[in-house]
Amino acid sequence: MKQQFKRVTAMGLGLVLTGGLVSACNPASDSETAASAQHAAADSHAAPETDQAAPPPGVTGEGEGGIVVEDASEDPVVYGSALAVAEAHVIAARDAHAVGEIDAAGEMFAHPASEVLFDMEDTFRELGVEPFEDLFLDASAAVFNDASHEEIVERTDAIIARLREAMTSAPDNGASEARIAAGIAADQIDRAVDMYRIAQDNPAYGPYLDGYGFYHAGKTAFDEHEAMIESELPEAAARIREALALLADAYPSAEPQDSYPVNRAELNTASTQATLAVLR
């Protein structure tokens, strides 16, 4: 799998917002501060190097890794998956804020600006999409400046609307809208499953919250296009529904969890079946 190396120059934004480096999408819950060393060891996005062949574009995930940005200007699933990863983070941020996980919420808002959007700058420029990372940074700053939850919801809605606008500039490679949406949903499902596995192996709030966001971003991608996916890709629709049902049990809320009881083999199987059905 091609990996996009993280460019730490963008992490200066975290110093401005928090007085220290923003945790690399592995925020501790406000009740987990004493376990920060364990959380660092369980960094959910340290993608291992591998010589294995790359999976099909747009249907692979490991946190926000696995986005082959050089393909995003030509492949609408890769492009849309990158936007969905950003959306997943703001959903997670909003809902973490709602349950009082303030530090995690602020970090989740900031993270896409230094990762996904930073890596997508050339693609956005090529496709004529105006930069919008300031929306994420402003939302993060608002969290750390004790904004009300109503304001955080408004900022989240504004970011999601901007992401939807950016999606209208997605490249056209002949794929149908249904197939693009199904591919994005399968990508987010895969990421959610991967984060749940990491949370099971190294219990920490960061991977869980990541996965929570990916689950909801995948569900949104499917729900908003369910009728057309059902019509054009009925098997994919069925497999995606099955995977989302399992993920609903895996991610019951944005709150830190005491255990991660959903069977990982069932999750992996459901995710693989959804991906394969989309590719048929």
C-alpha atoms as a PDB file:
ATOM      1  CA  MET A   1       0.000   0.000   0.000  1.00  0.00           C
ATOM      2  CA  LYS A   2       1.275   3.426  -0.886  1.00  0.00           C
ATOM      3  CA  GLN A   3       1.631   5.510   2.218  1.00  0.00           C
ATOM      4  CA  GLN A   4       1.563   9.261   2.533  1.00  0.00           C
ATOM      5  CA  PHE A   5       4.257  10.367   4.975  1.00  0.00           C
ATOM      6  CA  LYS A   6       3.066  12.841   7.559  1.00  0.00           C
ATOM      7  CA  ARG A   7       4.604  16.255   7.136  1.00  0.00           C
ATOM      8  CA  VAL A   8       5.254  17.577  10.591  1.00  0.00           C
ATOM      9  CA  THR A   9       5.612  21.173   9.449  1.00  0.00           C
ATOM     10  CA  ALA A  10       1.840  21.474   9.511  1.00  0.00           C
ATOM     11  CA  MET A  11       1.763  20.391  13.126  1.00  0.00           C
ATOM     12  CA  GLY A  12       2.724  23.914  14.151  1.00  0.00           C
ATOM     13  CA  LEU A  13      -1.006  24.577  14.226  1.00  0.00           C
ATOM     14  CA  GLY A  14      -1.287  22.248  17.196  1.00  0.00           C
ATOM     15  CA  LEU A  15       1.243  24.293  19.131  1.00  0.00           C
ATOM     16  CA  VAL A  16      -0.830  27.398  18.533  1.00  0.00           C
ATOM     17  CA  LEU A  17      -4.052  25.722  19.604  1.00  0.00           C
ATOM     18  CA  THR A  18      -3.003  23.660  22.589  1.00  0.00           C
ATOM     19  CA  GLY A  19       0.424  24.806  23.684  1.00  0.00           C
ATOM     20  CA  GLY A  20       1.821  21.449  22.619  1.00  0.00           C
ATOM     21  CA  LEU A  21       1.720  19.017  19.759  1.00  0.00           C
ATOM     22  CA  VAL A  22      -1.754  17.836  18.908  1.00  0.00           C
ATOM     23  CA  SER A  23      -1.813  14.119  19.595  1.00  0.00           C
ATOM     24  CA  ALA A  24      -1.703  12.325  16.258  1.00  0.00           C
ATOM     25  CA  CYS A  25      -5.383  11.431  16.170  1.00  0.00           C
ATOM     26  CA  ASN A  26      -5.011   9.444  19.366  1.00  0.00           C
ATOM     27  CA  PRO A  27      -6.543  11.752  21.957  1.00  0.00           C
ATOM     28  CA  ALA A  28      -6.855  10.557  25.514  1.00  0.00           C
ATOM     29  CA  SER A  29     -10.221  10.943  27.124  1.00  0.00           C
ATOM     30  CA  ASP A  30     -10.298  13.541  29.855  1.00  0.00           C
ATOM     31  CA  SER A  31     -10.350  10.645  32.348  1.00  0.00           C
ATOM     32  CA  GLU A  32      -7.384   8.880  30.751  1.00  0.00           C
ATOM     33  CA  THR A  33      -4.650  11.431  31.266  1.00  0.00           C
ATOM     34  CA  ALA A  34      -2.698   9.195  33.608  1.00  0.00           C
ATOM     35  CA  ALA A  35      -2.508   6.545  30.909  1.00  0.00           C
ATOM     36  CA  SER A  36      -1.024   8.805  28.223  1.00  0.00           C
ATOM     37  CA  ALA A  37       2.052   6.646  27.780  1.00  0.00           C
ATOM     38  CA  GLN A  38      -0.115   3.679  26.912  1.00  0.00           C
ATOM     39  CA  HIS A  39      -2.079   5.791  24.446  1.00  0.00           C
ATOM     40  CA  ALA A  40       1.080   6.906  22.698  1.00  0.00           C
ATOM     41  CA  ALA A  41       2.140   3.299  22.312  1.00  0.00           C
ATOM     42  CA  ALA A  42      -1.223   2.569  20.747  1.00  0.00           C
ATOM     43  CA  ASP A  43      -0.952   5.320  18.114  1.00  0.00           C
ATOM     44  CA  SER A  44      -3.700   4.299  15.781  1.00  0.00           C
ATOM     45  CA  HIS A  45      -2.180   5.758  12.661  1.00  0.00           C
ATOM     46  CA  ALA A  46       1.378   4.533  12.620  1.00  0.00           C
ATOM     47  CA  ALA A  47       0.964   2.645   9.372  1.00  0.00           C
ATOM     48  CA  PRO A  48       3.355  -0.263   9.058  1.00  0.00           C
ATOM     49  CA  GLU A  49       5.575  -0.430   6.027  1.00  0.00           C
ATOM     50  CA  THR A  50       4.756  -3.345   3.773  1.00  0.00           C
ATOM     51  CA  ASP A  51       5.756  -4.769   0.432  1.00  0.00           C
ATOM     52  CA  GLN A  52       2.334  -6.264  -0.160  1.00  0.00           C
ATOM     53  CA  ALA A  53       0.425  -5.342  -3.289  1.00  0.00           C
ATOM     54  CA  ALA A  54      -1.858  -2.349  -2.957  1.00  0.00           C
ATOM     55  CA  PRO A  55      -5.591  -3.025  -2.576  1.00  0.00           C
ATOM     56  CA  PRO A  56      -7.977  -1.374  -5.050  1.00  0.00           C
ATOM     57  CA  PRO A  57      -7.994   2.439  -4.694  1.00  0.00           C
ATOM     58  CA  GLY A  58     -10.563   3.943  -2.392  1.00  0.00           C
ATOM     59  CA  VAL A  59     -11.522   0.785  -0.528  1.00  0.00           C
ATOM     60  CA  THR A  60      -8.753   0.464   2.004  1.00  0.00           C
ATOM     61  CA  GLY A  61      -8.256   2.113   5.340  1.00  0.00           C
ATOM     62  CA  GLU A  62      -5.982   2.438   8.317  1.00  0.00           C
ATOM     63  CA  GLY A  63      -7.079   5.515  10.168  1.00  0.00           C
ATOM     64  CA  GLU A  64      -6.526   8.347   7.744  1.00  0.00           C
ATOM     65  CA  GLY A  65      -3.635   6.434   6.179  1.00  0.00           C
ATOM     66  CA  GLY A  66      -4.097   4.516   2.980  1.00  0.00           C
ATOM     67  CA  ILE A  67      -5.328   7.499   0.946  1.00  0.00           C
ATOM     68  CA  VAL A  68      -3.282   7.507  -2.244  1.00  0.00           C
ATOM     69  CA  VAL A  69      -3.545  11.230  -2.827  1.00  0.00           C
ATOM     70  CA  GLU A  70      -1.852  11.129  -6.221  1.00  0.00           C
ATOM     71  CA  ASP A  71      -4.889   9.168  -7.452  1.00  0.00           C
ATOM     72  CA  ALA A  72      -7.451  11.507  -5.908  1.00  0.00           C
ATOM     73  CA  SER A  73      -7.520  13.868  -8.875  1.00  0.00           C
ATOM     74  CA  GLU A  74      -8.616  10.997 -11.140  1.00  0.00           C
ATOM     75  CA  ASP A  75     -10.533   8.572  -8.913  1.00  0.00           C
ATOM     76  CA  PRO A  76     -13.745   9.917  -7.346  1.00  0.00           C
ATOM     77  CA  VAL A  77     -13.793   7.172  -4.703  1.00  0.00           C
ATOM     78  CA  VAL A  78     -10.304   8.070  -3.502  1.00  0.00           C
ATOM     79  CA  TYR A  79     -11.234  11.766  -3.594  1.00  0.00           C
ATOM     80  CA  GLY A  80     -14.523  11.202  -1.788  1.00  0.00           C
ATOM     81  CA  SER A  81     -12.912   8.921   0.771  1.00  0.00           C
ATOM     82  CA  ALA A  82     -10.445  11.651   1.680  1.00  0.00           C
ATOM     83  CA  LEU A  83     -13.341  14.054   2.265  1.00  0.00           C
ATOM     84  CA  ALA A  84     -15.189  11.393   4.247  1.00  0.00           C
ATOM     85  CA  VAL A  85     -12.152  10.891   6.494  1.00  0.00           C
ATOM     86  CA  ALA A  86     -12.233  14.621   7.253  1.00  0.00           C
ATOM     87  CA  GLU A  87     -15.980  14.405   7.899  1.00  0.00           C
ATOM     88  CA  ALA A  88     -15.459  11.436  10.208  1.00  0.00           C
ATOM     89  CA  HIS A  89     -13.153  13.516  12.358  1.00  0.00           C
ATOM     90  CA  VAL A  90     -15.587  16.400  12.752  1.00  0.00           C
ATOM     91  CA  ILE A  91     -18.447  14.026  13.577  1.00  0.00           C
ATOM     92  CA  ALA A  92     -16.258  12.440  16.228  1.00  0.00           C
ATOM     93  CA  ALA A  93     -15.213  15.877  17.478  1.00  0.00           C
ATOM     94  CA  ARG A  94     -18.792  17.128  17.754  1.00  0.00           C
ATOM     95  CA  ASP A  95     -20.014  14.033  19.584  1.00  0.00           C
ATOM     96  CA  ALA A  96     -16.974  13.855  21.866  1.00  0.00           C
ATOM     97  CA  HIS A  97     -17.671  17.462  22.820  1.00  0.00           C
ATOM     98  CA  ALA A  98     -21.267  16.543  23.589  1.00  0.00           C
ATOM     99  CA  VAL A  99     -20.145  13.957  26.160  1.00  0.00           C
ATOM    100  CA  GLY A 100     -17.592  16.241  27.771  1.00  0.00           C
ATOM    101  CA  GLU A 101     -14.416  14.957  26.101  1.00  0.00           C
ATOM    102  CA  ILE A 102     -13.177  18.472  25.386  1.00  0.00           C
ATOM    103  CA  ASP A 103      -9.502  17.828  24.646  1.00  0.00           C
ATOM    104  CA  ALA A 104     -10.347  14.955  22.323  1.00  0.00           C
ATOM    105  CA  ALA A 105     -12.881  17.133  20.502  1.00  0.00           C
ATOM    106  CA  GLY A 106     -10.398  19.939  19.939  1.00  0.00           C
ATOM    107  CA  GLU A 107      -7.758  17.568  18.652  1.00  0.00           C
ATOM    108  CA  MET A 108     -10.200  15.785  16.343  1.00  0.00           C
ATOM    109  CA  PHE A 109     -11.222  19.052  14.726  1.00  0.00           C
ATOM    110  CA  ALA A 110      -7.612  20.069  14.126  1.00  0.00           C
ATOM    111  CA  HIS A 111      -6.230  16.797  12.889  1.00  0.00           C
ATOM    112  CA  PRO A 112      -7.599  16.735   9.301  1.00  0.00           C
ATOM    113  CA  ALA A 113      -6.038  20.129   8.560  1.00  0.00           C
ATOM    114  CA  SER A 114      -2.549  18.791   9.236  1.00  0.00           C
ATOM    115  CA  GLU A 115      -3.090  15.415   7.616  1.00  0.00           C
ATOM    116  CA  VAL A 116      -5.767  14.800   5.005  1.00  0.00           C
ATOM    117  CA  LEU A 117      -6.359  18.341   3.775  1.00  0.00           C
ATOM    118  CA  PHE A 118      -2.656  19.140   3.796  1.00  0.00           C
ATOM    119  CA  ASP A 119      -1.920  16.121   1.620  1.00  0.00           C
ATOM    120  CA  MET A 120      -4.835  16.964  -0.678  1.00  0.00           C
ATOM    121  CA  GLU A 121      -3.751  20.549  -1.372  1.00  0.00           C
ATOM    122  CA  ASP A 122      -2.435  19.812  -4.875  1.00  0.00           C
ATOM    123  CA  THR A 123      -5.546  17.837  -5.759  1.00  0.00           C
ATOM    124  CA  PHE A 124      -7.842  20.597  -4.561  1.00  0.00           C
ATOM    125  CA  ARG A 125      -5.851  23.158  -6.518  1.00  0.00           C
ATOM    126  CA  GLU A 126      -6.018  21.032  -9.667  1.00  0.00           C
ATOM    127  CA  LEU A 127      -9.782  20.590  -9.314  1.00  0.00           C
ATOM    128  CA  GLY A 128     -10.422  24.237  -8.488  1.00  0.00           C
ATOM    129  CA  VAL A 129     -11.449  23.710  -4.862  1.00  0.00           C
ATOM    130  CA  GLU A 130     -10.714  26.656  -2.600  1.00  0.00           C
ATOM    131  CA  PRO A 131      -8.855  25.863   0.641  1.00  0.00           C
ATOM    132  CA  PHE A 132     -11.080  25.372   3.666  1.00  0.00           C
ATOM    133  CA  GLU A 133      -8.805  24.007   6.400  1.00  0.00           C
ATOM    134  CA  ASP A 134      -9.381  27.193   8.413  1.00  0.00           C
ATOM    135  CA  LEU A 135     -12.878  25.938   9.208  1.00  0.00           C
ATOM    136  CA  PHE A 136     -11.330  22.985  11.041  1.00  0.00           C
ATOM    137  CA  LEU A 137      -8.760  25.068  12.859  1.00  0.00           C
ATOM    138  CA  ASP A 138     -11.324  27.661  13.906  1.00  0.00           C
ATOM    139  CA  ALA A 139     -13.587  24.922  15.263  1.00  0.00           C
ATOM    140  CA  SER A 140     -10.680  23.444  17.206  1.00  0.00           C
ATOM    141  CA  ALA A 141      -9.801  26.851  18.643  1.00  0.00           C
ATOM    142  CA  ALA A 142     -13.450  27.370  19.605  1.00  0.00           C
ATOM    143  CA  VAL A 143     -13.436  24.115  21.562  1.00  0.00           C
ATOM    144  CA  PHE A 144     -10.332  25.118  23.510  1.00  0.00           C
ATOM    145  CA  ASN A 145     -11.854  28.555  24.111  1.00  0.00           C
ATOM    146  CA  ASP A 146     -14.872  27.029  25.857  1.00  0.00           C
ATOM    147  CA  ALA A 147     -17.420  27.510  23.094  1.00  0.00           C
ATOM    148  CA  SER A 148     -20.923  26.247  23.797  1.00  0.00           C
ATOM    149  CA  HIS A 149     -22.013  22.942  22.315  1.00  0.00           C
ATOM    150  CA  GLU A 150     -24.524  24.814  20.160  1.00  0.00           C
ATOM    151  CA  GLU A 151     -21.654  26.720  18.564  1.00  0.00           C
ATOM    152  CA  ILE A 152     -19.701  23.498  18.034  1.00  0.00           C
ATOM    153  CA  VAL A 153     -22.706  21.939  16.299  1.00  0.00           C
ATOM    154  CA  GLU A 154     -23.017  24.992  14.046  1.00  0.00           C
ATOM    155  CA  ARG A 155     -19.345  24.838  13.144  1.00  0.00           C
ATOM    156  CA  THR A 156     -19.620  21.118  12.445  1.00  0.00           C
ATOM    157  CA  ASP A 157     -22.587  21.683  10.146  1.00  0.00           C
ATOM    158  CA  ALA A 158     -20.662  24.389   8.286  1.00  0.00           C
ATOM    159  CA  ILE A 159     -17.681  22.097   7.780  1.00  0.00           C
ATOM    160  CA  ILE A 160     -19.844  19.244   6.513  1.00  0.00           C
ATOM    161  CA  ALA A 161     -21.602  21.607   4.114  1.00  0.00           C
ATOM    162  CA  ARG A 162     -18.198  22.714   2.791  1.00  0.00           C
ATOM    163  CA  LEU A 163     -17.143  19.088   2.358  1.00  0.00           C
ATOM    164  CA  ARG A 164     -20.333  18.420   0.392  1.00  0.00           C
ATOM    165  CA  GLU A 165     -19.537  21.408  -1.804  1.00  0.00           C
ATOM    166  CA  ALA A 166     -16.016  20.082  -2.379  1.00  0.00           C
ATOM    167  CA  MET A 167     -17.474  16.724  -3.408  1.00  0.00           C
ATOM    168  CA  THR A 168     -19.227  18.402  -6.337  1.00  0.00           C
ATOM    169  CA  SER A 169     -15.749  18.937  -7.812  1.00  0.00           C
ATOM    170  CA  ALA A 170     -14.882  15.224  -7.673  1.00  0.00           C
ATOM    171  CA  PRO A 171     -13.152  13.892 -10.794  1.00  0.00           C
ATOM    172  CA  ASP A 172     -15.256  12.007 -13.332  1.00  0.00           C
ATOM    173  CA  ASN A 173     -13.887   8.616 -14.348  1.00  0.00           C
ATOM    174  CA  GLY A 174     -17.198   7.271 -15.576  1.00  0.00           C
ATOM    175  CA  ALA A 175     -18.222   5.617 -12.313  1.00  0.00           C
ATOM    176  CA  SER A 176     -21.863   6.002 -11.370  1.00  0.00           C
ATOM    177  CA  GLU A 177     -22.933   8.024  -8.355  1.00  0.00           C
ATOM    178  CA  ALA A 178     -24.162   4.847  -6.702  1.00  0.00           C
ATOM    179  CA  ARG A 179     -20.852   3.053  -7.150  1.00  0.00           C
ATOM    180  CA  ILE A 180     -18.902   6.062  -5.885  1.00  0.00           C
ATOM    181  CA  ALA A 181     -21.074   6.360  -2.763  1.00  0.00           C
ATOM    182  CA  ALA A 182     -20.878   2.614  -2.114  1.00  0.00           C
ATOM    183  CA  GLY A 183     -17.099   2.717  -2.489  1.00  0.00           C
ATOM    184  CA  ILE A 184     -16.815   5.574  -0.012  1.00  0.00           C
ATOM    185  CA  ALA A 185     -19.090   3.767   2.452  1.00  0.00           C
ATOM    186  CA  ALA A 186     -17.030   0.572   2.157  1.00  0.00           C
ATOM    187  CA  ASP A 187     -13.834   2.561   2.687  1.00  0.00           C
ATOM    188  CA  GLN A 188     -15.146   4.102   5.896  1.00  0.00           C
ATOM    189  CA  ILE A 189     -16.430   0.745   7.115  1.00  0.00           C
ATOM    190  CA  ASP A 190     -12.978  -0.737   6.597  1.00  0.00           C
ATOM    191  CA  ARG A 191     -11.388   2.080   8.587  1.00  0.00           C
ATOM    192  CA  ALA A 192     -13.916   1.706  11.406  1.00  0.00           C
ATOM    193  CA  VAL A 193     -13.242  -2.022  11.634  1.00  0.00           C
ATOM    194  CA  ASP A 194      -9.486  -1.445  11.664  1.00  0.00           C
ATOM    195  CA  MET A 195      -9.756   1.097  14.483  1.00  0.00           C
ATOM    196  CA  TYR A 196     -11.912  -1.254  16.536  1.00  0.00           C
ATOM    197  CA  ARG A 197      -9.275  -3.961  16.206  1.00  0.00           C
ATOM    198  CA  ILE A 198      -6.627  -1.507  17.400  1.00  0.00           C
ATOM    199  CA  ALA A 199      -8.809  -0.451  20.326  1.00  0.00           C
ATOM    200  CA  GLN A 200      -9.280  -4.103  21.292  1.00  0.00           C
ATOM    201  CA  ASP A 201      -5.548  -4.785  21.182  1.00  0.00           C
ATOM    202  CA  ASN A 202      -4.504  -1.580  22.949  1.00  0.00           C
ATOM    203  CA  PRO A 203      -7.498  -0.140  24.792  1.00  0.00           C
ATOM    204  CA  ALA A 204      -7.427   3.628  24.386  1.00  0.00           C
ATOM    205  CA  TYR A 205      -9.929   6.325  23.543  1.00  0.00           C
ATOM    206  CA  GLY A 206      -8.206   7.645  20.404  1.00  0.00           C
ATOM    207  CA  PRO A 207      -8.615   4.610  18.128  1.00  0.00           C
ATOM    208  CA  TYR A 208     -12.154   4.087  19.364  1.00  0.00           C
ATOM    209  CA  LEU A 209     -13.134   7.688  18.672  1.00  0.00           C
ATOM    210  CA  ASP A 210     -11.540   7.506  15.229  1.00  0.00           C
ATOM    211  CA  GLY A 211     -13.540   4.398  14.452  1.00  0.00           C
ATOM    212  CA  TYR A 212     -16.721   5.977  15.780  1.00  0.00           C
ATOM    213  CA  GLY A 213     -16.289   8.808  13.299  1.00  0.00           C
ATOM    214  CA  PHE A 214     -15.513   6.471  10.404  1.00  0.00           C
ATOM    215  CA  TYR A 215     -18.589   4.382  11.187  1.00  0.00           C
ATOM    216  CA  HIS A 216     -20.833   7.423  11.118  1.00  0.00           C
ATOM    217  CA  ALA A 217     -19.229   8.846   7.981  1.00  0.00           C
ATOM    218  CA  GLY A 218     -19.733   5.497   6.239  1.00  0.00           C
ATOM    219  CA  LYS A 219     -23.319   5.296   7.418  1.00  0.00           C
ATOM    220  CA  THR A 220     -23.975   8.801   6.123  1.00  0.00           C
ATOM    221  CA  ALA A 221     -22.435   8.014   2.724  1.00  0.00           C
ATOM    222  CA  PHE A 222     -24.682   4.969   2.449  1.00  0.00           C
ATOM    223  CA  ASP A 223     -27.857   6.483   3.891  1.00  0.00           C
ATOM    224  CA  GLU A 224     -27.747   9.492   1.577  1.00  0.00           C
ATOM    225  CA  HIS A 225     -27.531   7.242  -1.515  1.00  0.00           C
ATOM    226  CA  GLU A 226     -29.221   4.073  -0.282  1.00  0.00           C
ATOM    227  CA  ALA A 227     -31.994   3.987  -2.877  1.00  0.00           C
ATOM    228  CA  MET A 228     -29.667   4.308  -5.864  1.00  0.00           C
ATOM    229  CA  ILE A 229     -27.157   1.825  -4.400  1.00  0.00           C
ATOM    230  CA  GLU A 230     -29.982  -0.641  -3.767  1.00  0.00           C
ATOM    231  CA  SER A 231     -31.165  -0.209  -7.353  1.00  0.00           C
ATOM    232  CA  GLU A 232     -27.782  -0.531  -9.060  1.00  0.00           C
ATOM    233  CA  LEU A 233     -25.785  -2.629  -6.592  1.00  0.00           C
ATOM    234  CA  PRO A 234     -28.239  -4.646  -4.505  1.00  0.00           C
ATOM    235  CA  GLU A 235     -25.642  -7.107  -3.203  1.00  0.00           C
ATOM    236  CA  ALA A 236     -23.361  -4.268  -2.149  1.00  0.00           C
ATOM    237  CA  ALA A 237     -26.291  -2.558  -0.430  1.00  0.00           C
ATOM    238  CA  ALA A 238     -27.065  -5.715   1.543  1.00  0.00           C
ATOM    239  CA  ARG A 239     -23.453  -6.287   2.571  1.00  0.00           C
ATOM    240  CA  ILE A 240     -22.980  -2.651   3.589  1.00  0.00           C
ATOM    241  CA  ARG A 241     -26.109  -2.792   5.738  1.00  0.00           C
ATOM    242  CA  GLU A 242     -24.828  -5.914   7.472  1.00  0.00           C
ATOM    243  CA  ALA A 243     -21.471  -4.305   8.201  1.00  0.00           C
ATOM    244  CA  LEU A 244     -23.080  -1.109   9.482  1.00  0.00           C
ATOM    245  CA  ALA A 245     -25.342  -3.118  11.793  1.00  0.00           C
ATOM    246  CA  LEU A 246     -22.310  -4.744  13.407  1.00  0.00           C
ATOM    247  CA  LEU A 247     -20.539  -1.401  13.688  1.00  0.00           C
ATOM    248  CA  ALA A 248     -23.576   0.081  15.413  1.00  0.00           C
ATOM    249  CA  ASP A 249     -22.961  -2.446  18.191  1.00  0.00           C
ATOM    250  CA  ALA A 250     -19.211  -1.783  18.160  1.00  0.00           C
ATOM    251  CA  TYR A 251     -19.640   1.992  18.441  1.00  0.00           C
ATOM    252  CA  PRO A 252     -22.659   2.643  20.675  1.00  0.00           C
ATOM    253  CA  SER A 253     -21.641   6.208  21.546  1.00  0.00           C
ATOM    254  CA  ALA A 254     -18.782   8.695  21.502  1.00  0.00           C
ATOM    255  CA  GLU A 255     -18.046   8.028  25.156  1.00  0.00           C
ATOM    256  CA  PRO A 256     -14.927   6.100  26.190  1.00  0.00           C
ATOM    257  CA  GLN A 257     -15.711   2.395  26.468  1.00  0.00           C
ATOM    258  CA  ASP A 258     -14.837  -0.031  29.230  1.00  0.00           C
ATOM    259  CA  SER A 259     -14.731  -2.988  26.839  1.00  0.00           C
ATOM    260  CA  TYR A 260     -14.823  -3.833  23.145  1.00  0.00           C
ATOM    261  CA  PRO A 261     -16.946  -6.982  22.960  1.00  0.00           C
ATOM    262  CA  VAL A 262     -17.923  -7.203  19.280  1.00  0.00           C
ATOM    263  CA  ASN A 263     -16.321 -10.178  17.571  1.00  0.00           C
ATOM    264  CA  ARG A 264     -13.485  -8.951  15.388  1.00  0.00           C
ATOM    265  CA  ALA A 265     -13.710 -11.900  12.994  1.00  0.00           C
ATOM    266  CA  GLU A 266     -17.339 -11.045  12.275  1.00  0.00           C
ATOM    267  CA  LEU A 267     -16.401  -7.407  11.729  1.00  0.00           C
ATOM    268  CA  ASN A 268     -13.537  -8.302   9.405  1.00  0.00           C
ATOM    269  CA  THR A 269     -15.717 -10.670   7.405  1.00  0.00           C
ATOM    270  CA  ALA A 270     -18.519  -8.134   7.067  1.00  0.00           C
ATOM    271  CA  SER A 271     -16.117  -5.414   5.948  1.00  0.00           C
ATOM    272  CA  THR A 272     -14.432  -7.680   3.393  1.00  0.00           C
ATOM    273  CA  GLN A 273     -17.762  -8.819   1.995  1.00  0.00           C
ATOM    274  CA  ALA A 274     -18.931  -5.215   1.641  1.00  0.00           C
ATOM    275  CA  THR A 275     -15.745  -4.245  -0.180  1.00  0.00           C
ATOM    276  CA  LEU A 276     -15.878  -7.218  -2.541  1.00  0.00           C
ATOM    277  CA  ALA A 277     -19.534  -6.591  -3.316  1.00  0.00           C
ATOM    278  CA  VAL A 278     -18.772  -2.988  -4.268  1.00  0.00           C
ATOM    279  CA  LEU A 279     -15.959  -4.116  -6.575  1.00  0.00           C
ATOM    280  CA  ARG A 280     -18.093  -6.650  -8.471  1.00  0.00           C
END
